Protein backbone atom coordinates (compact mmCIF):
# COMPACT_ATOMS: atom_id res chain seq x y z
CA MET A 1 69.50 87.81 47.95
CA ILE A 2 65.90 88.31 47.06
CA ASN A 3 63.93 90.85 48.68
CA ASP A 4 60.92 90.15 50.66
CA THR A 5 58.23 91.59 48.35
CA LEU A 6 55.46 90.09 46.24
CA PHE A 7 57.20 91.54 43.05
CA ASP A 8 60.57 90.19 43.62
CA VAL A 9 59.26 86.44 44.56
CA SER A 10 56.93 86.52 41.71
CA ASN A 11 59.58 87.64 39.24
CA VAL A 12 62.02 84.75 40.40
CA LEU A 13 58.98 82.04 39.96
CA ILE A 14 57.99 83.67 36.50
CA LYS A 15 60.91 85.80 35.12
CA ASP A 16 64.12 84.92 36.61
CA LYS A 17 63.86 81.30 36.94
CA ASN A 18 67.60 80.70 37.41
CA ARG A 19 67.38 82.37 40.87
CA PHE A 20 64.70 79.86 42.14
CA ASP A 21 67.17 78.15 44.32
CA GLU A 22 67.63 81.54 46.21
CA LEU A 23 63.91 81.49 47.38
CA THR A 24 63.60 80.42 50.91
CA ASP A 25 60.53 78.01 52.11
CA ALA A 26 59.56 81.10 54.23
CA LEU A 27 59.25 83.37 51.47
CA LYS A 28 57.19 80.55 49.32
CA GLU A 29 54.72 79.98 52.16
CA LYS A 30 54.49 83.82 52.52
CA TYR A 31 53.45 84.52 49.06
CA PHE A 32 51.98 81.32 47.88
CA PHE A 33 48.48 82.19 48.29
CA ILE A 34 48.47 85.62 46.52
CA ILE A 35 50.72 84.36 43.69
CA ASN A 36 48.53 81.39 43.25
CA ARG A 37 45.52 83.85 42.99
CA TYR A 38 47.20 86.10 40.65
CA LEU A 39 48.04 83.08 38.41
CA SER A 40 44.66 81.68 38.43
CA LYS A 41 43.48 84.87 36.72
CA CYS A 42 45.81 84.83 33.97
CA SER A 43 44.16 81.87 31.88
CA GLU A 44 42.16 78.80 31.93
CA LYS A 45 45.27 76.36 32.30
CA TYR A 46 46.58 78.59 35.17
CA ALA A 47 43.05 78.51 36.82
CA GLU A 48 42.70 74.83 36.78
CA PHE A 49 46.19 74.27 38.16
CA ALA A 50 45.44 76.95 40.77
CA SER A 51 42.36 75.16 41.70
CA GLN A 52 44.49 71.83 42.15
CA VAL A 53 47.03 73.28 44.51
CA ASN A 54 44.46 75.34 46.37
CA HIS A 55 43.87 73.72 49.68
CA LYS A 56 44.18 75.16 53.34
CA LYS A 57 46.20 71.95 54.38
CA ILE A 58 48.59 72.03 51.55
CA ASP A 59 52.36 72.35 51.89
CA LYS A 60 52.61 75.84 50.45
CA ALA A 61 56.45 75.54 49.79
CA ALA A 62 55.89 72.41 47.72
CA ALA A 63 52.96 73.90 45.93
CA PHE A 64 55.20 76.83 45.22
CA ASP A 65 57.72 74.57 43.71
CA ALA A 66 54.85 72.82 41.68
CA TRP A 67 53.98 76.33 40.27
CA TYR A 68 57.82 76.70 39.44
CA TYR A 69 57.77 73.47 37.45
CA PHE A 70 54.44 74.27 35.81
CA LEU A 71 55.64 77.57 34.64
CA TYR A 72 59.28 76.42 33.63
CA ASP A 73 58.85 76.39 29.88
CA LYS A 74 55.90 79.01 29.74
CA PRO A 75 56.55 82.81 28.89
CA TYR A 76 55.64 85.55 31.25
CA PRO A 77 51.96 85.82 31.55
CA LYS A 78 50.77 89.21 30.12
CA THR A 79 47.94 89.70 32.53
CA TYR A 80 49.58 88.71 35.70
CA TRP A 81 49.88 92.30 36.83
CA ALA A 82 46.75 93.67 34.93
CA LYS A 83 44.74 96.01 36.78
CA SER A 84 40.83 95.79 37.11
CA PRO A 85 38.89 97.78 34.82
CA LYS A 86 37.72 101.06 35.62
CA LEU A 87 34.16 101.24 36.36
CA GLU A 88 32.44 104.12 34.32
CA LYS A 89 29.73 106.04 35.34
CA ASP A 90 26.91 105.83 32.82
CA ASP A 91 25.20 108.86 33.96
CA GLY A 92 27.06 110.96 31.51
CA LEU A 93 28.27 113.56 34.16
CA SER A 94 31.91 114.75 34.26
CA ASP A 95 33.89 115.06 37.56
CA LYS A 96 33.26 118.53 37.49
CA GLU A 97 29.50 118.43 37.13
CA ARG A 98 29.41 115.73 39.82
CA THR A 99 31.31 117.86 42.30
CA LEU A 100 29.16 120.93 41.35
CA LEU A 101 26.11 118.78 42.23
CA VAL A 102 27.41 117.31 45.51
CA GLN A 103 28.16 120.75 46.65
CA TYR A 104 24.84 121.94 45.74
CA TYR A 105 22.81 119.19 47.39
CA GLY A 106 25.33 118.82 50.07
CA VAL A 107 25.22 114.94 49.92
CA ARG A 108 27.95 112.37 49.36
CA VAL A 109 28.85 110.87 45.94
CA ASP A 110 26.79 107.70 46.66
CA ASP A 111 23.84 109.83 47.65
CA LEU A 112 24.11 111.53 44.32
CA ASP A 113 24.05 108.22 42.44
CA TYR A 114 20.91 107.63 44.22
CA LEU A 115 19.24 110.88 43.47
CA LEU A 116 20.23 110.22 39.87
CA GLN A 117 18.45 107.05 39.83
CA LEU A 118 15.32 108.32 41.42
CA PHE A 119 15.13 111.68 40.02
CA PRO A 120 17.10 112.12 37.01
CA LYS A 121 15.11 114.73 35.37
CA MET A 122 15.28 116.96 38.51
CA VAL A 123 18.96 116.57 38.87
CA LYS A 124 19.63 117.28 35.10
CA GLU A 125 17.73 120.45 35.33
CA ASP A 126 19.29 121.54 38.51
CA LEU A 127 22.80 120.86 36.74
CA LYS A 128 21.77 122.95 33.73
CA TRP A 129 20.72 125.79 36.23
CA LEU A 130 23.86 125.51 38.23
CA THR A 131 26.17 125.55 34.81
CA GLU A 132 24.52 128.52 33.84
CA ILE A 133 24.96 130.40 37.19
CA GLU A 134 28.64 129.29 36.74
CA LYS A 135 29.10 130.79 33.47
CA GLN A 136 27.37 134.21 34.75
CA ASN A 137 29.84 134.29 37.43
CA LYS A 138 32.90 134.06 35.17
């Protein structure tokens, strides 16, 4: 029996292909859209195929079967479960410095980003002053 989870259904489609007959049409319909989306991000060939089966009136179970036959002789896509890259702040502040400034100004993190855009020199001076005070308190 295949569990009703995205992970298990995906693995049956891509990895444990010999268990594909155990998938019910209900599971295929439930997970078709999200799996189609994940696979579309794996490569250009996958994206092209995903766009061909991406229609709101398509029989989702049949489209899921089409993915099975498309992937039958292909290896497991390395980028299937890839996470989005973490967005780095380019202001050069550490988390500790950001927390210090947020507490000092009494603002949210988004507001601090706005202040850094408008008044970078003032914020850097305040940060320097705050770190000096913190050193003296230790």
